[in-house]
C-alpha atoms as a PDB file:
ATOM      1  CA  MET A   1     -28.218  77.510 -22.575  1.00  0.00           C
ATOM      2  CA  SER A   2     -31.031  77.724 -20.005  1.00  0.00           C
ATOM      3  CA  ARG A   3     -31.257  80.551 -17.495  1.00  0.00           C
ATOM      4  CA  PHE A   4     -32.358  79.106 -14.178  1.00  0.00           C
ATOM      5  CA  VAL A   5     -33.529  81.136 -11.185  1.00  0.00           C
ATOM      6  CA  ASN A   6     -34.321  79.345  -7.943  1.00  0.00           C
ATOM      7  CA  VAL A   7     -37.328  81.100  -6.435  1.00  0.00           C
ATOM      8  CA  ALA A   8     -39.033  80.779  -3.050  1.00  0.00           C
ATOM      9  CA  ALA A   9     -42.623  81.839  -2.462  1.00  0.00           C
ATOM     10  CA  ALA A  10     -42.318  82.888   1.190  1.00  0.00           C
ATOM     11  CA  GLN A  11     -45.843  82.732   2.529  1.00  0.00           C
ATOM     12  CA  LEU A  12     -46.585  84.284   5.915  1.00  0.00           C
ATOM     13  CA  GLY A  13     -49.198  83.304   8.417  1.00  0.00           C
ATOM     14  CA  PRO A  14     -51.230  86.060  10.093  1.00  0.00           C
ATOM     15  CA  ILE A  15     -49.589  89.113  11.649  1.00  0.00           C
ATOM     16  CA  ALA A  16     -51.285  90.381  14.802  1.00  0.00           C
ATOM     17  CA  ARG A  17     -51.965  94.095  15.212  1.00  0.00           C
ATOM     18  CA  ASN A  18     -49.783  94.174  18.318  1.00  0.00           C
ATOM     19  CA  GLU A  19     -46.914  92.238  16.736  1.00  0.00           C
ATOM     20  CA  THR A  20     -43.811  94.432  16.520  1.00  0.00           C
ATOM     21  CA  LYS A  21     -41.962  94.994  13.267  1.00  0.00           C
ATOM     22  CA  LYS A  22     -38.912  93.383  14.821  1.00  0.00           C
ATOM     23  CA  GLN A  23     -40.938  90.260  15.470  1.00  0.00           C
ATOM     24  CA  VAL A  24     -42.174  90.249  11.883  1.00  0.00           C
ATOM     25  CA  VAL A  25     -38.720  90.908  10.438  1.00  0.00           C
ATOM     26  CA  ASP A  26     -37.394  87.978  12.466  1.00  0.00           C
ATOM     27  CA  ARG A  27     -39.929  85.773  10.677  1.00  0.00           C
ATOM     28  CA  LEU A  28     -38.803  87.135   7.300  1.00  0.00           C
ATOM     29  CA  LEU A  29     -35.174  86.532   8.238  1.00  0.00           C
ATOM     30  CA  ALA A  30     -36.015  82.930   9.106  1.00  0.00           C
ATOM     31  CA  HIS A  31     -37.424  82.537   5.601  1.00  0.00           C
ATOM     32  CA  LEU A  32     -34.264  84.030   4.060  1.00  0.00           C
ATOM     33  CA  HIS A  33     -31.968  81.725   6.001  1.00  0.00           C
ATOM     34  CA  GLN A  34     -34.058  78.648   5.225  1.00  0.00           C
ATOM     35  CA  ALA A  35     -34.225  79.593   1.544  1.00  0.00           C
ATOM     36  CA  LYS A  36     -30.453  80.009   1.399  1.00  0.00           C
ATOM     37  CA  LYS A  37     -30.030  76.442   2.634  1.00  0.00           C
ATOM     38  CA  MET A  38     -32.032  75.390  -0.427  1.00  0.00           C
ATOM     39  CA  ASP A  39     -29.869  77.401  -2.826  1.00  0.00           C
ATOM     40  CA  VAL A  40     -32.591  79.973  -3.568  1.00  0.00           C
ATOM     41  CA  ASP A  41     -31.694  83.091  -5.577  1.00  0.00           C
ATOM     42  CA  VAL A  42     -34.703  85.282  -4.724  1.00  0.00           C
ATOM     43  CA  VAL A  43     -37.389  85.118  -2.024  1.00  0.00           C
ATOM     44  CA  VAL A  44     -40.837  86.591  -2.676  1.00  0.00           C
ATOM     45  CA  PHE A  45     -42.670  87.907   0.408  1.00  0.00           C
ATOM     46  CA  PRO A  46     -46.352  88.974   0.559  1.00  0.00           C
ATOM     47  CA  GLU A  47     -48.043  92.354   0.231  1.00  0.00           C
ATOM     48  CA  LEU A  48     -47.915  94.502   3.406  1.00  0.00           C
ATOM     49  CA  ALA A  49     -45.511  91.937   4.812  1.00  0.00           C
ATOM     50  CA  LEU A  50     -44.375  94.057   7.783  1.00  0.00           C
ATOM     51  CA  THR A  51     -47.742  94.661   9.484  1.00  0.00           C
ATOM     52  CA  THR A  52     -51.249  93.388   9.903  1.00  0.00           C
ATOM     53  CA  PHE A  53     -53.628  94.368   7.092  1.00  0.00           C
ATOM     54  CA  PHE A  54     -54.605  97.686   8.676  1.00  0.00           C
ATOM     55  CA  PRO A  55     -57.013  98.914   5.920  1.00  0.00           C
ATOM     56  CA  ARG A  56     -59.632  96.669   7.496  1.00  0.00           C
ATOM     57  CA  TRP A  57     -60.152  99.413  10.133  1.00  0.00           C
ATOM     58  CA  PHE A  58     -61.398 102.986   9.678  1.00  0.00           C
ATOM     59  CA  SER A  59     -59.965 106.026  11.469  1.00  0.00           C
ATOM     60  CA  GLU A  60     -61.220 109.545  10.852  1.00  0.00           C
ATOM     61  CA  ASP A  61     -57.679 110.789  11.383  1.00  0.00           C
ATOM     62  CA  ILE A  62     -55.642 108.908   8.810  1.00  0.00           C
ATOM     63  CA  SER A  63     -52.430 109.825  10.624  1.00  0.00           C
ATOM     64  CA  ASP A  64     -53.507 107.551  13.485  1.00  0.00           C
ATOM     65  CA  PHE A  65     -52.206 104.717  11.325  1.00  0.00           C
ATOM     66  CA  ASP A  66     -48.906 106.301  10.305  1.00  0.00           C
ATOM     67  CA  CYS A  67     -47.201 103.714  12.514  1.00  0.00           C
ATOM     68  CA  PHE A  68     -48.010 101.069   9.910  1.00  0.00           C
ATOM     69  CA  TYR A  69     -46.081 102.883   7.164  1.00  0.00           C
ATOM     70  CA  GLU A  70     -42.373 102.964   6.339  1.00  0.00           C
ATOM     71  CA  THR A  71     -40.865 106.429   5.901  1.00  0.00           C
ATOM     72  CA  GLN A  72     -37.540 105.072   4.639  1.00  0.00           C
ATOM     73  CA  MET A  73     -36.371 101.833   3.114  1.00  0.00           C
ATOM     74  CA  PRO A  74     -34.301 100.385   4.503  1.00  0.00           C
ATOM     75  CA  GLY A  75     -35.064 101.821   7.907  1.00  0.00           C
ATOM     76  CA  PRO A  76     -34.005 100.824  11.405  1.00  0.00           C
ATOM     77  CA  ASP A  77     -36.507  97.947  11.548  1.00  0.00           C
ATOM     78  CA  THR A  78     -35.817  96.596   8.061  1.00  0.00           C
ATOM     79  CA  GLN A  79     -32.049  97.083   7.766  1.00  0.00           C
ATOM     80  CA  PRO A  80     -31.429  93.505   9.036  1.00  0.00           C
ATOM     81  CA  LEU A  81     -33.190  92.164   5.918  1.00  0.00           C
ATOM     82  CA  PHE A  82     -30.810  94.044   3.642  1.00  0.00           C
ATOM     83  CA  ASP A  83     -27.793  93.045   5.699  1.00  0.00           C
ATOM     84  CA  ALA A  84     -28.849  89.402   5.532  1.00  0.00           C
ATOM     85  CA  ALA A  85     -29.448  89.604   1.766  1.00  0.00           C
ATOM     86  CA  ALA A  86     -25.924  90.910   1.210  1.00  0.00           C
ATOM     87  CA  LYS A  87     -24.349  88.401   3.581  1.00  0.00           C
ATOM     88  CA  LEU A  88     -26.265  85.406   2.233  1.00  0.00           C
ATOM     89  CA  GLN A  89     -26.146  86.588  -1.388  1.00  0.00           C
ATOM     90  CA  ILE A  90     -29.894  86.207  -1.798  1.00  0.00           C
ATOM     91  CA  GLY A  91     -32.429  88.660  -3.212  1.00  0.00           C
ATOM     92  CA  PHE A  92     -35.996  89.399  -2.164  1.00  0.00           C
ATOM     93  CA  TYR A  93     -39.282  91.068  -3.102  1.00  0.00           C
ATOM     94  CA  LEU A  94     -41.059  92.834  -0.231  1.00  0.00           C
ATOM     95  CA  GLY A  95     -44.467  94.504   0.034  1.00  0.00           C
ATOM     96  CA  TYR A  96     -45.113  97.272   2.565  1.00  0.00           C
ATOM     97  CA  ALA A  97     -46.926 100.580   3.176  1.00  0.00           C
ATOM     98  CA  GLU A  98     -44.932 103.667   2.155  1.00  0.00           C
ATOM     99  CA  LEU A  99     -45.270 107.180   3.574  1.00  0.00           C
ATOM    100  CA  VAL A 100     -43.366 109.953   1.804  1.00  0.00           C
ATOM    101  CA  ILE A 101     -43.453 113.736   2.046  1.00  0.00           C
ATOM    102  CA  GLU A 102     -43.387 115.493  -1.324  1.00  0.00           C
ATOM    103  CA  ASN A 103     -43.637 119.284  -1.536  1.00  0.00           C
ATOM    104  CA  GLY A 104     -44.699 119.332   2.097  1.00  0.00           C
ATOM    105  CA  VAL A 105     -47.588 116.904   1.524  1.00  0.00           C
ATOM    106  CA  LYS A 106     -47.816 113.432   3.031  1.00  0.00           C
ATOM    107  CA  ARG A 107     -48.415 110.767   0.398  1.00  0.00           C
ATOM    108  CA  ARG A 108     -49.192 107.125   1.098  1.00  0.00           C
ATOM    109  CA  PHE A 109     -48.768 104.150  -1.226  1.00  0.00           C
ATOM    110  CA  ASN A 110     -49.026 100.371  -1.161  1.00  0.00           C
ATOM    111  CA  VAL A 111     -45.639  99.396  -2.587  1.00  0.00           C
ATOM    112  CA  SER A 112     -43.234  96.585  -3.295  1.00  0.00           C
ATOM    113  CA  ILE A 113     -39.495  96.597  -3.854  1.00  0.00           C
ATOM    114  CA  LEU A 114     -37.065  94.230  -5.519  1.00  0.00           C
ATOM    115  CA  VAL A 115     -33.697  93.782  -3.805  1.00  0.00           C
ATOM    116  CA  ASP A 116     -30.732  92.052  -5.446  1.00  0.00           C
ATOM    117  CA  LYS A 117     -28.114  89.753  -3.925  1.00  0.00           C
ATOM    118  CA  THR A 118     -25.988  92.689  -2.783  1.00  0.00           C
ATOM    119  CA  GLY A 119     -28.816  94.087  -0.658  1.00  0.00           C
ATOM    120  CA  THR A 120     -29.446  96.901  -3.162  1.00  0.00           C
ATOM    121  CA  ILE A 121     -32.931  98.035  -4.165  1.00  0.00           C
ATOM    122  CA  VAL A 122     -33.167  97.649  -7.938  1.00  0.00           C
ATOM    123  CA  GLY A 123     -36.843  98.489  -8.377  1.00  0.00           C
ATOM    124  CA  LYS A 124     -39.927  99.882  -6.650  1.00  0.00           C
ATOM    125  CA  TYR A 125     -43.559  99.515  -7.666  1.00  0.00           C
ATOM    126  CA  ARG A 126     -46.647 101.385  -6.413  1.00  0.00           C
ATOM    127  CA  LYS A 127     -49.910  99.432  -6.555  1.00  0.00           C
ATOM    128  CA  VAL A 128     -52.106 100.537  -9.455  1.00  0.00           C
ATOM    129  CA  HIS A 129     -55.410  98.701  -8.875  1.00  0.00           C
ATOM    130  CA  LEU A 130     -56.547  99.647  -5.367  1.00  0.00           C
ATOM    131  CA  PRO A 131     -59.586  97.573  -4.344  1.00  0.00           C
ATOM    132  CA  GLY A 132     -62.292  98.252  -1.804  1.00  0.00           C
ATOM    133  CA  HIS A 133     -63.755 101.624  -0.893  1.00  0.00           C
ATOM    134  CA  GLY A 134     -62.665 105.113   0.085  1.00  0.00           C
ATOM    135  CA  GLN A 135     -65.098 105.919   2.886  1.00  0.00           C
ATOM    136  CA  ASP A 136     -66.314 104.430   6.140  1.00  0.00           C
ATOM    137  CA  GLU A 137     -68.778 101.586   5.524  1.00  0.00           C
ATOM    138  CA  PRO A 138     -69.567 100.262   9.009  1.00  0.00           C
ATOM    139  CA  TRP A 139     -72.199  97.833   7.711  1.00  0.00           C
ATOM    140  CA  ARG A 140     -69.413  95.509   6.567  1.00  0.00           C
ATOM    141  CA  ALA A 141     -68.199  92.648   8.763  1.00  0.00           C
ATOM    142  CA  PHE A 142     -64.792  94.228   8.136  1.00  0.00           C
ATOM    143  CA  GLN A 143     -63.675  97.036   5.883  1.00  0.00           C
ATOM    144  CA  HIS A 144     -61.337  97.200   2.910  1.00  0.00           C
ATOM    145  CA  LEU A 145     -60.163 100.804   2.857  1.00  0.00           C
ATOM    146  CA  GLU A 146     -57.219 100.762   0.472  1.00  0.00           C
ATOM    147  CA  LYS A 147     -58.760 103.625  -1.514  1.00  0.00           C
ATOM    148  CA  TYR A 148     -58.800 105.611   1.733  1.00  0.00           C
ATOM    149  CA  TYR A 149     -55.308 104.835   3.021  1.00  0.00           C
ATOM    150  CA  PHE A 150     -53.389 104.778  -0.286  1.00  0.00           C
ATOM    151  CA  GLU A 151     -53.003 106.662  -3.539  1.00  0.00           C
ATOM    152  CA  PRO A 152     -52.818 104.563  -6.705  1.00  0.00           C
ATOM    153  CA  GLY A 153     -49.627 104.121  -8.665  1.00  0.00           C
ATOM    154  CA  HIS A 154     -49.574 104.852 -12.382  1.00  0.00           C
ATOM    155  CA  GLU A 155     -47.359 102.361 -14.195  1.00  0.00           C
ATOM    156  CA  PHE A 156     -46.076  98.808 -14.420  1.00  0.00           C
ATOM    157  CA  GLY A 157     -42.313  98.664 -14.761  1.00  0.00           C
ATOM    158  CA  VAL A 158     -39.810  95.888 -15.392  1.00  0.00           C
ATOM    159  CA  TRP A 159     -36.235  95.563 -14.182  1.00  0.00           C
ATOM    160  CA  SER A 160     -33.154  93.640 -15.250  1.00  0.00           C
ATOM    161  CA  ALA A 161     -32.270  91.379 -12.328  1.00  0.00           C
ATOM    162  CA  PHE A 162     -31.449  87.750 -11.526  1.00  0.00           C
ATOM    163  CA  GLY A 163     -30.476  87.149 -15.138  1.00  0.00           C
ATOM    164  CA  GLY A 164     -33.843  88.084 -16.594  1.00  0.00           C
ATOM    165  CA  VAL A 165     -36.645  90.628 -16.911  1.00  0.00           C
ATOM    166  CA  MET A 166     -38.483  90.985 -13.597  1.00  0.00           C
ATOM    167  CA  GLY A 167     -41.857  92.641 -12.979  1.00  0.00           C
ATOM    168  CA  MET A 168     -43.875  93.431  -9.851  1.00  0.00           C
ATOM    169  CA  ALA A 169     -47.547  93.689  -8.956  1.00  0.00           C
ATOM    170  CA  LEU A 170     -49.641  93.618  -5.783  1.00  0.00           C
ATOM    171  CA  CYS A 171     -52.779  91.710  -4.822  1.00  0.00           C
ATOM    172  CA  ASN A 172     -55.752  93.140  -6.764  1.00  0.00           C
ATOM    173  CA  ASP A 173     -53.457  93.867  -9.718  1.00  0.00           C
ATOM    174  CA  ARG A 174     -53.417  90.119 -10.383  1.00  0.00           C
ATOM    175  CA  ARG A 175     -57.114  90.173 -11.278  1.00  0.00           C
ATOM    176  CA  TRP A 176     -56.661  92.590 -14.196  1.00  0.00           C
ATOM    177  CA  SER A 177     -55.336  91.285 -17.502  1.00  0.00           C
ATOM    178  CA  GLU A 178     -53.836  94.694 -18.290  1.00  0.00           C
ATOM    179  CA  THR A 179     -51.352  94.196 -15.457  1.00  0.00           C
ATOM    180  CA  TYR A 180     -49.666  91.270 -17.138  1.00  0.00           C
ATOM    181  CA  ARG A 181     -50.052  92.553 -20.685  1.00  0.00           C
ATOM    182  CA  VAL A 182     -48.317  95.889 -20.045  1.00  0.00           C
ATOM    183  CA  MET A 183     -45.378  94.047 -18.517  1.00  0.00           C
ATOM    184  CA  GLY A 184     -45.614  91.417 -21.244  1.00  0.00           C
ATOM    185  CA  LEU A 185     -45.150  94.153 -23.832  1.00  0.00           C
ATOM    186  CA  LYS A 186     -41.943  95.050 -21.978  1.00  0.00           C
ATOM    187  CA  GLY A 187     -40.670  91.484 -22.236  1.00  0.00           C
ATOM    188  CA  VAL A 188     -41.322  90.387 -18.656  1.00  0.00           C
ATOM    189  CA  GLU A 189     -40.127  86.895 -17.734  1.00  0.00           C
ATOM    190  CA  MET A 190     -41.166  86.726 -14.081  1.00  0.00           C
ATOM    191  CA  VAL A 191     -43.921  88.647 -12.276  1.00  0.00           C
ATOM    192  CA  MET A 192     -43.632  88.714  -8.484  1.00  0.00           C
ATOM    193  CA  LEU A 193     -46.748  89.639  -6.559  1.00  0.00           C
ATOM    194  CA  GLY A 194     -47.834  89.497  -2.952  1.00  0.00           C
ATOM    195  CA  TYR A 195     -51.411  89.501  -1.727  1.00  0.00           C
ATOM    196  CA  ASN A 196     -53.650  89.777   1.353  1.00  0.00           C
ATOM    197  CA  THR A 197     -57.032  88.363   0.311  1.00  0.00           C
ATOM    198  CA  PRO A 198     -59.918  87.661   2.689  1.00  0.00           C
ATOM    199  CA  VAL A 199     -62.079  84.620   2.053  1.00  0.00           C
ATOM    200  CA  HIS A 200     -65.237  86.664   2.620  1.00  0.00           C
ATOM    201  CA  ASN A 201     -66.258  89.340   0.116  1.00  0.00           C
ATOM    202  CA  PRO A 202     -68.888  91.498   1.892  1.00  0.00           C
ATOM    203  CA  PRO A 203     -70.436  93.008  -1.286  1.00  0.00           C
ATOM    204  CA  ALA A 204     -70.623  89.578  -2.974  1.00  0.00           C
ATOM    205  CA  PRO A 205     -70.655  86.737  -0.408  1.00  0.00           C
ATOM    206  CA  GLU A 206     -71.728  84.328  -3.149  1.00  0.00           C
ATOM    207  CA  HIS A 207     -68.115  84.523  -4.381  1.00  0.00           C
ATOM    208  CA  ASP A 208     -66.633  83.281  -1.104  1.00  0.00           C
ATOM    209  CA  ASP A 209     -66.495  79.598  -2.062  1.00  0.00           C
ATOM    210  CA  LEU A 210     -64.653  80.530  -5.263  1.00  0.00           C
ATOM    211  CA  SER A 211     -61.973  82.711  -3.675  1.00  0.00           C
ATOM    212  CA  MET A 212     -59.129  80.213  -4.127  1.00  0.00           C
ATOM    213  CA  PHE A 213     -60.268  79.222  -7.619  1.00  0.00           C
ATOM    214  CA  HIS A 214     -60.292  82.869  -8.703  1.00  0.00           C
ATOM    215  CA  ASN A 215     -56.913  83.447  -7.054  1.00  0.00           C
ATOM    216  CA  HIS A 216     -55.195  80.796  -9.146  1.00  0.00           C
ATOM    217  CA  LEU A 217     -57.298  81.386 -12.274  1.00  0.00           C
ATOM    218  CA  VAL A 218     -56.096  84.941 -12.832  1.00  0.00           C
ATOM    219  CA  MET A 219     -52.432  84.214 -12.124  1.00  0.00           C
ATOM    220  CA  GLN A 220     -52.375  81.134 -14.339  1.00  0.00           C
ATOM    221  CA  ALA A 221     -54.081  82.993 -17.175  1.00  0.00           C
ATOM    222  CA  GLY A 222     -51.703  85.947 -16.828  1.00  0.00           C
ATOM    223  CA  ALA A 223     -48.698  83.631 -16.935  1.00  0.00           C
ATOM    224  CA  TYR A 224     -49.840  81.687 -19.998  1.00  0.00           C
ATOM    225  CA  GLN A 225     -51.151  84.632 -22.033  1.00  0.00           C
ATOM    226  CA  ASN A 226     -47.882  86.511 -21.620  1.00  0.00           C
ATOM    227  CA  GLY A 227     -45.376  83.670 -21.577  1.00  0.00           C
ATOM    228  CA  THR A 228     -44.063  84.568 -18.129  1.00  0.00           C
ATOM    229  CA  TRP A 229     -43.442  83.023 -14.737  1.00  0.00           C
ATOM    230  CA  VAL A 230     -45.749  84.319 -11.986  1.00  0.00           C
ATOM    231  CA  VAL A 231     -44.944  84.017  -8.286  1.00  0.00           C
ATOM    232  CA  GLY A 232     -47.971  84.812  -6.106  1.00  0.00           C
ATOM    233  CA  VAL A 233     -47.479  84.899  -2.343  1.00  0.00           C
ATOM    234  CA  ALA A 234     -50.071  85.231   0.411  1.00  0.00           C
ATOM    235  CA  LYS A 235     -50.287  86.459   3.941  1.00  0.00           C
ATOM    236  CA  ALA A 236     -52.750  83.822   5.081  1.00  0.00           C
ATOM    237  CA  GLY A 237     -54.733  82.437   7.986  1.00  0.00           C
ATOM    238  CA  SER A 238     -56.952  84.052  10.591  1.00  0.00           C
ATOM    239  CA  GLU A 239     -55.640  87.592  11.082  1.00  0.00           C
ATOM    240  CA  GLU A 240     -57.439  89.667  13.709  1.00  0.00           C
ATOM    241  CA  GLY A 241     -60.469  87.403  13.266  1.00  0.00           C
ATOM    242  CA  ILE A 242     -60.526  87.689   9.462  1.00  0.00           C
ATOM    243  CA  GLU A 243     -59.840  84.519   7.493  1.00  0.00           C
ATOM    244  CA  MET A 244     -57.334  85.076   4.656  1.00  0.00           C
ATOM    245  CA  ILE A 245     -56.712  82.694   1.780  1.00  0.00           C
ATOM    246  CA  GLY A 246     -53.352  81.006   1.273  1.00  0.00           C
ATOM    247  CA  GLY A 247     -52.652  79.312  -2.022  1.00  0.00           C
ATOM    248  CA  SER A 248     -49.205  80.804  -2.616  1.00  0.00           C
ATOM    249  CA  ALA A 249     -47.965  79.408  -5.919  1.00  0.00           C
ATOM    250  CA  ILE A 250     -45.199  79.486  -8.500  1.00  0.00           C
ATOM    251  CA  ILE A 251     -46.690  79.317 -11.992  1.00  0.00           C
ATOM    252  CA  ALA A 252     -44.841  78.474 -15.203  1.00  0.00           C
ATOM    253  CA  PRO A 253     -45.303  80.230 -18.565  1.00  0.00           C
ATOM    254  CA  SER A 254     -47.450  77.227 -19.511  1.00  0.00           C
ATOM    255  CA  GLY A 255     -49.968  78.331 -16.876  1.00  0.00           C
ATOM    256  CA  GLU A 256     -49.200  75.271 -14.760  1.00  0.00           C
ATOM    257  CA  ILE A 257     -48.633  75.506 -11.009  1.00  0.00           C
ATOM    258  CA  VAL A 258     -45.214  73.950 -10.389  1.00  0.00           C
ATOM    259  CA  ALA A 259     -44.941  74.619  -6.636  1.00  0.00           C
ATOM    260  CA  ALA A 260     -47.430  75.708  -3.976  1.00  0.00           C
ATOM    261  CA  CYS A 261     -47.875  76.128  -0.235  1.00  0.00           C
ATOM    262  CA  SER A 262     -50.209  73.698   1.493  1.00  0.00           C
ATOM    263  CA  THR A 263     -50.778  75.488   4.812  1.00  0.00           C
ATOM    264  CA  LYS A 264     -51.912  78.929   5.950  1.00  0.00           C
ATOM    265  CA  GLY A 265     -48.808  79.577   8.021  1.00  0.00           C
ATOM    266  CA  ASP A 266     -45.194  80.583   7.433  1.00  0.00           C
ATOM    267  CA  GLU A 267     -44.087  78.278   4.630  1.00  0.00           C
ATOM    268  CA  LEU A 268     -41.749  78.158   1.645  1.00  0.00           C
ATOM    269  CA  ALA A 269     -42.628  76.796  -1.786  1.00  0.00           C
ATOM    270  CA  ILE A 270     -39.579  76.532  -4.042  1.00  0.00           C
ATOM    271  CA  ALA A 271     -39.106  76.015  -7.762  1.00  0.00           C
ATOM    272  CA  ARG A 272     -36.210  76.024 -10.229  1.00  0.00           C
ATOM    273  CA  CYS A 273     -37.502  78.391 -12.895  1.00  0.00           C
ATOM    274  CA  ASP A 274     -36.073  78.303 -16.407  1.00  0.00           C
ATOM    275  CA  LEU A 275     -36.484  81.824 -17.788  1.00  0.00           C
ATOM    276  CA  ASP A 276     -35.798  80.538 -21.283  1.00  0.00           C
ATOM    277  CA  LEU A 277     -39.048  78.585 -21.113  1.00  0.00           C
ATOM    278  CA  CYS A 278     -40.761  81.944 -21.664  1.00  0.00           C
ATOM    279  CA  HIS A 279     -39.427  82.014 -25.229  1.00  0.00           C
ATOM    280  CA  SER A 280     -41.397  78.891 -26.133  1.00  0.00           C
ATOM    281  CA  TYR A 281     -44.622  80.882 -25.654  1.00  0.00           C
ATOM    282  CA  LYS A 282     -43.451  84.382 -26.567  1.00  0.00           C
ATOM    283  CA  SER A 283     -42.215  83.140 -29.972  1.00  0.00           C
ATOM    284  CA  THR A 284     -45.249  81.016 -30.902  1.00  0.00           C
ATOM    285  CA  THR A 285     -48.828  81.301 -29.609  1.00  0.00           C
ATOM    286  CA  PHE A 286     -48.160  84.642 -27.943  1.00  0.00           C
ATOM    287  CA  ASN A 287     -45.806  86.190 -30.468  1.00  0.00           C
ATOM    288  CA  PHE A 288     -47.120  89.704 -29.904  1.00  0.00           C
ATOM    289  CA  GLU A 289     -45.417  91.263 -32.915  1.00  0.00           C
ATOM    290  CA  ARG A 290     -46.965  88.722 -35.261  1.00  0.00           C
ATOM    291  CA  HIS A 291     -50.442  88.280 -33.815  1.00  0.00           C
ATOM    292  CA  ARG A 292     -51.537  91.300 -31.768  1.00  0.00           C
ATOM    293  CA  ARG A 293     -53.952  93.842 -33.309  1.00  0.00           C
ATOM    294  CA  PRO A 294     -53.606  96.992 -31.176  1.00  0.00           C
ATOM    295  CA  GLU A 295     -55.646  99.003 -33.679  1.00  0.00           C
ATOM    296  CA  ALA A 296     -58.668  96.992 -32.477  1.00  0.00           C
ATOM    297  CA  TYR A 297     -58.033  97.575 -28.764  1.00  0.00           C
ATOM    298  CA  GLY A 298     -58.528 101.338 -28.489  1.00  0.00           C
ATOM    299  CA  LEU A 299     -61.277 101.164 -25.870  1.00  0.00           C
ATOM    300  CA  ILE A 300     -58.951  99.445 -23.401  1.00  0.00           C
ATOM    301  CA  SER A 301     -56.929 102.608 -22.826  1.00  0.00           C
ATOM    302  CA  SER A 302     -59.517 105.268 -23.721  1.00  0.00           C
ATOM    303  CA  GLN A 303     -62.506 104.094 -21.661  1.00  0.00           C
ATOM    304  CA  ARG A 304     -62.802 103.019 -18.033  1.00  0.00           C
ATOM    305  CA  GLY A 305     -66.299 101.617 -17.505  1.00  0.00           C
ATOM    306  CA  ALA A 306     -68.507  99.507 -19.764  1.00  0.00           C
ATOM    307  CA  VAL A 307     -70.764 101.466 -22.134  1.00  0.00           C
ATOM    308  CA  LEU A 308     -73.275  99.786 -24.435  1.00  0.00           C
ATOM    309  CA  PRO A 309     -72.440 100.873 -28.004  1.00  0.00           C
ATOM    310  CA  TRP A 310     -76.120 101.466 -28.758  1.00  0.00           C
ATOM    311  CA  ALA A 311     -76.884 103.351 -25.545  1.00  0.00           C
END
């Protein structure tokens, strides 16, 4: 018997710096209500879905940007999302900036959560692969200061939800094969990931024309090589003068895109995902137990950068 999950990739258009969280949450609520009309089980929102992408600006005093972080989840601004989830019996994935105090020290993370149909948080993930730079680089047309505003997370988890094995990732994580493989080794059947990706890459502008190709390439490869669904969702459009890619997509374990957004605004792409389709790949071409050779992969976990063996 097939296990179907109806999934909505809930793309957002740009969020202005002066847009209030209430205004943003109202947009998310509109997505939830529209998705419910289409019998969706879980809605996947983008990375940093509650604010503009603030790491594009540098501030010497990092606390100047504390207003962009959530200190509790749910909090006063986000409680309506959880109330709606419980009332509508619909789950969601949400990316946001987290600020916590541990042992008297402020810690900041780029996180996502998975919420079930009762409005209960069943999982939280902290972004592992932080892109960009950790210091002011004013020569750039815009900055990408995730290494300055966030600490990295340290693991990829999976959670039992929506009748299957769910995983989470965020933006730059999608570009690293290890992201999918670690979750694949935990039996993941659907990876949800949000992203905020500018078209322009200041250190490598020759990549700009390939930004959408690379976006889909890595998610499709991750899906196929691990026999899992992947749901990638963008915050897109021209945000504070910076053009962001769209391309939100739902990708089958075959690596095929089965649903996608066609605009750069608020839009839903919906697919009926058969989690049992994963077995067709996990039990054949990508039967890890039969075909993997971990004894040959030692460098992957013991070495960070490339080193010529004869150097």
